[in-house]
Amino acid sequence: MNILLLNWRDIKNPKAGGAEIVTFEHEKAWAFKGHSVTWFTSGFPQSLAEEAIDGVKIIRKGTMVTVFFYAFLFYLQHRKQFDVVIDEIHGIPFFTPLYVSGPKITFIHEVAEEIWDYMYPFPINTVGKFLETFYLPLYKKIRLWTDAQSTIDDLVKFGFLRNNCFAIACPIKNTPLTKKPVKEKNKTFIFVSRVVRMKGIEEVIKSFGFIQKEDANAKLWIVGKGEEEYIRKLKSMAGEYHIEKNVTFFGEVSEKEKLHLMSKAHLLLHASVKEGWGLVVMEAASQWTPSVVYNVAGLKDSVKNNITGIVLEANSPSEMAKQAILLVNDKKRYSRFQTNGLSWVKSLSWEKATQQSLQLLESVARL
């Protein structure tokens, strides 16, 4: 097949995240199987207009705002050469139902909804949420691909047919540790993500404030990049809670260092507003580190509640702290979660996931 995927960022974009990592893993597998894969996306400073990476042809045009218009022009010029088009949605879609008459798939990681309020000021957030209620119905009759069953639940509320939506879980790329690592002497909690408000970092800091009242020697590690101004705000926040001496901001680290820190920590804390999946949760589990997470789409799929970690019944910093303390202090339960988490991670593979996505593409292309 000749496959065209439209996405606002590619794997080399400085702002690329888990969605781009997952997308690229699928594309590489398709290309390896002999299919032609074109990834049309936006440019960024010093980016090449075109390049091939692991068999995937990447074409960059415009910015993350104008790429949607350029994608439309690109498709009109080359529409006869593609067998199937994938419209990957991140807040704003490529509106392919309006101009792609041939086989197409919608790839969406989460329904944005309240994410708009966390990422953008008024009135952009209000406009964004309004547009979502307008454009999602355009995709109701198109085969839809997502990461988690909870996202399908959200889409059903918008009128999507459940049997027209397919969830393909996201495996990890790293190799799980075979032996239990040595944890830090003091109870250590870790947050790993882009350091932005919607990822729940403020909730985690508040939660750690409660944790330290119970354990003065506890540590919080914050791993990930963020805007300098926001990092300063978070450090000031830690000072207000009198926990700054026990909180370490690592910033952006290498993949190897990230996994090492995960292996040394006792628990991963995640309080995101919403996720497409919880890739860092799975990575932590591969390092024998369970997670305590907010009960939101994506996270409640990647954590098996009371089996591999804790999905909170009530999303609050105090409840997160309470459950985290109970778990790390219950050695038998903690060890069971470690073992179960490792088994959960090993049950998922990229070979299986990419086979599922390819079968979906082939079924759509035959329509």
Foldseek 3Di string as FASTA:
>chain_A
DAEEEEDADAPPPPPDDPVNVQVVLLVLVCQVVPYQAEYEYADDPPDDQWDADNRYIYGHDHHSVCSLVVVLVVCVVPVVPHLEYEWEDDLDTSLCLVPNPHFYEYEYLAQCQCVLVQPDPPPRSVVSNVVSLVRLVSCQVHQYEFAFPVRLVVSVVSVHDSVSYYHFHDAADDAFDPDQDAADPAAEEEEADAPGVQFPPVQQLLLVLLLCVVPVQYAYEYEEAYDPVVVVVVLVVNVVSVNNVRYYYPYYDDPVVLLVNLLHHAEYETEGPATSACRVQLSSLSSLHHYEYEQHYRDCGLHPDLQQHHHDPDRGSNSSNVRVVVQVVPVVSSNRNSVRSNVSSVVDDSVVSSVVVVVVRVVSSVD
